[in-house]
C-alpha cells in the first residue's frame, strides 16, 4: 500500500495541496497516530494475480456523533486507471461508510478543480458540490510579524 500512496501526488494540482512524503513504516505509524481518536475506514482493491494493492481510499469519522465523514486520499496505480476502478472503489467505500456510521449523513472531500477524473468519479457516485475553498501559497518573507491582530 505504501507504493500506492506515492501516486496520490499524480493527481492534477495535488502538488499544490500537499508535500511529497516518504511512506516508510515510521511515516505510516506517525500518520496513524495523527488519526488517533477518529474512526478510520480504509478500502483497498487487491489485484489477485499479483497480490498487489492497486487502489485505496481512506475516510475518517471524528466520533460517534459526527454528522459527516471526511474523505481523504483516493488513489489507483497508473496501470489500473481508466477502467472504472476508482468509481467502483469509492462508491463501495461510501456505502460501507453509511453501513458502519449511519449517523454520518454526508461525506466531505477536497478535490483540486484541475483533477477532472476524480471530479467525474465523485459526480458519478452522487457527490455534489456544496462549497469551494481557495488555497493560496505566498512567500512568508513579505508577511509582517510582531503584531497580534489586524492593526498591529
Protein backbone atom coordinates (compact mmCIF):
# COMPACT_ATOMS: atom_id res chain seq x y z
CA UNK A 1 0.00 0.00 0.00
CA UNK A 2 2.98 2.29 0.51
CA UNK A 3 3.70 2.25 -3.23
CA UNK A 4 0.11 3.28 -3.91
CA UNK A 5 0.33 6.29 -1.59
CA UNK A 6 3.12 7.69 -3.72
CA UNK A 7 0.60 8.01 -6.57
CA UNK A 8 -1.69 10.39 -4.67
CA UNK A 9 0.59 13.15 -5.96
CA UNK A 10 -0.11 12.06 -9.57
CA UNK A 11 -3.45 13.85 -9.40
CA UNK A 12 -3.65 17.17 -11.24
CA UNK A 13 -2.84 20.00 -8.83
CA UNK A 14 -2.02 17.66 -5.93
CA UNK A 15 1.49 19.05 -5.51
CA UNK A 16 -0.08 22.40 -4.64
CA UNK A 17 -2.11 20.82 -1.84
CA UNK A 18 0.42 18.54 -0.18
CA UNK A 19 4.11 17.93 0.03
CA UNK A 20 5.63 14.71 -1.17
CA UNK A 21 6.10 12.24 1.68
CA UNK A 22 8.36 9.24 2.09
CA UNK A 23 5.93 6.49 3.08
CA UNK A 24 8.05 4.13 5.09
CA UNK A 25 6.83 2.21 8.13
CA UNK A 26 7.65 5.07 10.50
CA UNK A 27 5.71 7.57 8.38
CA UNK A 28 2.67 5.28 8.27
CA UNK A 29 2.77 4.83 12.06
CA UNK A 30 3.07 8.62 12.53
CA UNK A 31 0.05 9.18 10.26
CA UNK A 32 -1.92 6.57 12.21
CA UNK A 33 -1.05 8.39 15.45
CA UNK A 34 -2.39 11.65 13.95
CA UNK A 35 -5.66 9.83 13.26
CA UNK A 36 -5.90 8.61 16.88
CA UNK A 37 -9.34 9.14 18.35
CA UNK A 38 -11.03 9.05 14.95
CA UNK A 39 -12.69 6.07 13.37
CA UNK A 40 -10.71 5.12 10.28
CA UNK A 41 -12.08 3.25 7.27
CA UNK A 42 -9.62 2.12 4.62
CA UNK A 43 -10.87 0.50 1.43
CA UNK A 44 -8.36 -1.31 -0.76
CA UNK A 45 -8.50 -3.20 -4.03
CA UNK A 46 -6.09 -6.09 -4.46
CA UNK A 47 -5.05 -7.42 -7.86
CA UNK A 48 -5.38 -11.14 -7.18
CA UNK A 49 -2.77 -12.49 -9.65
CA UNK A 50 -0.03 -10.32 -8.12
CA UNK A 51 -1.50 -9.79 -4.61
CA UNK A 52 -0.63 -6.10 -5.04
CA UNK A 53 -2.80 -3.31 -3.65
CA UNK A 54 -3.73 -1.34 -6.80
CA UNK A 55 -6.33 1.04 -5.37
CA UNK A 56 -7.20 2.50 -1.99
CA UNK A 57 -9.37 5.16 -0.43
CA UNK A 58 -9.47 6.42 3.15
CA UNK A 59 -12.04 8.19 5.29
CA UNK A 60 -12.33 9.15 8.94
CA UNK A 61 -15.30 9.81 11.19
CA UNK A 62 -14.35 12.06 14.09
CA UNK A 63 -16.52 10.49 16.81
CA UNK A 64 -19.70 8.56 17.46
CA UNK A 65 -21.91 11.62 16.99
CA UNK A 66 -20.21 13.02 13.89
CA UNK A 67 -22.67 14.02 11.17
CA UNK A 68 -20.05 13.87 8.40
CA UNK A 69 -17.20 11.62 7.39
CA UNK A 70 -14.01 13.12 5.96
CA UNK A 71 -12.81 11.52 2.74
CA UNK A 72 -9.04 11.61 2.49
CA UNK A 73 -6.92 10.23 -0.33
CA UNK A 74 -8.14 8.04 -3.16
CA UNK A 75 -5.53 6.57 -5.49
CA UNK A 76 -5.25 3.92 -8.19
CA UNK A 77 -1.94 2.74 -9.63
CA UNK A 78 -1.35 4.07 -13.16
CA UNK A 79 -1.61 0.66 -14.83
CA UNK A 80 -5.11 0.14 -13.42
CA UNK A 81 -6.66 3.52 -14.25
CA UNK A 82 -9.41 4.39 -16.77
CA UNK A 83 -11.34 1.15 -16.24
CA UNK A 84 -13.80 2.39 -13.63
CA UNK A 85 -11.89 1.01 -10.64
CA UNK A 86 -11.79 4.35 -8.78
CA UNK A 87 -15.54 4.84 -9.28
CA UNK A 88 -16.38 1.32 -8.09
CA UNK A 89 -13.98 1.50 -5.14
CA UNK A 90 -15.16 4.93 -3.97
CA UNK A 91 -18.84 4.01 -4.39
CA UNK A 92 -18.39 0.82 -2.36
CA UNK A 93 -16.41 2.72 0.26
CA UNK A 94 -19.17 5.33 0.56
CA UNK A 95 -21.79 2.60 1.02
CA UNK A 96 -19.63 0.96 3.68
CA UNK A 97 -19.27 4.30 5.48
CA UNK A 98 -23.06 4.53 5.56
CA UNK A 99 -23.39 0.95 6.85
CA UNK A 100 -20.86 1.42 9.65
CA UNK A 101 -21.63 5.04 10.57
CA UNK A 102 -25.28 5.79 9.69
CA UNK A 103 -25.23 8.96 11.82
CA UNK A 104 -22.70 10.46 9.38
CA UNK A 105 -25.18 11.54 6.73
CA UNK A 106 -22.62 13.21 4.49
CA UNK A 107 -19.05 12.88 3.30
CA UNK A 108 -16.72 15.84 2.87
CA UNK A 109 -13.98 15.64 0.27
CA UNK A 110 -11.46 18.08 -1.17
CA UNK A 111 -10.54 17.69 -4.83
CA UNK A 112 -8.45 20.11 -6.84
CA UNK A 113 -10.58 21.64 -9.60
CA UNK A 114 -7.88 20.58 -12.10
CA UNK A 115 -8.45 16.91 -11.21
CA UNK A 116 -11.19 16.26 -13.77
CA UNK A 117 -11.02 12.44 -13.45
CA UNK A 118 -11.72 12.47 -9.69
CA UNK A 119 -14.37 15.17 -10.04
CA UNK A 120 -16.08 12.92 -12.61
CA UNK A 121 -15.84 9.93 -10.24
CA UNK A 122 -17.40 11.97 -7.43
CA UNK A 123 -20.26 13.18 -9.67
CA UNK A 124 -20.87 9.65 -10.98
CA UNK A 125 -21.41 8.26 -7.47
CA UNK A 126 -23.68 11.11 -6.40
CA UNK A 127 -21.40 13.56 -4.61
CA UNK A 128 -22.36 17.18 -5.18
CA UNK A 129 -20.53 20.46 -4.82
CA UNK A 130 -21.54 22.31 -1.67
CA UNK A 131 -18.75 24.87 -1.40
CA UNK A 132 -15.34 25.68 -2.79
CA UNK A 133 -12.15 26.51 -0.96
CA UNK A 134 -9.26 28.55 -2.32
CA UNK A 135 -5.78 27.60 -1.15
CA UNK A 136 -3.18 30.32 -1.60
CA UNK A 137 0.55 29.98 -1.20
CA UNK A 138 2.67 33.06 -0.64
CA UNK A 139 6.27 33.52 0.48
CA UNK A 140 6.49 34.29 4.19
CA UNK A 141 9.18 36.94 3.56
CA UNK A 142 6.59 39.58 2.71
CA UNK A 143 4.36 38.99 5.72
CA UNK A 144 4.82 41.43 8.64
CA UNK A 145 5.39 39.83 12.03
CA UNK A 146 5.19 41.18 15.53
CA UNK A 147 1.54 42.26 15.63
CA UNK A 148 -1.17 40.37 17.42
CA UNK A 149 -4.05 41.36 15.22
CA UNK A 150 -5.05 43.09 12.01
CA UNK A 151 -3.98 46.53 13.34
CA UNK A 152 -0.60 45.51 14.72
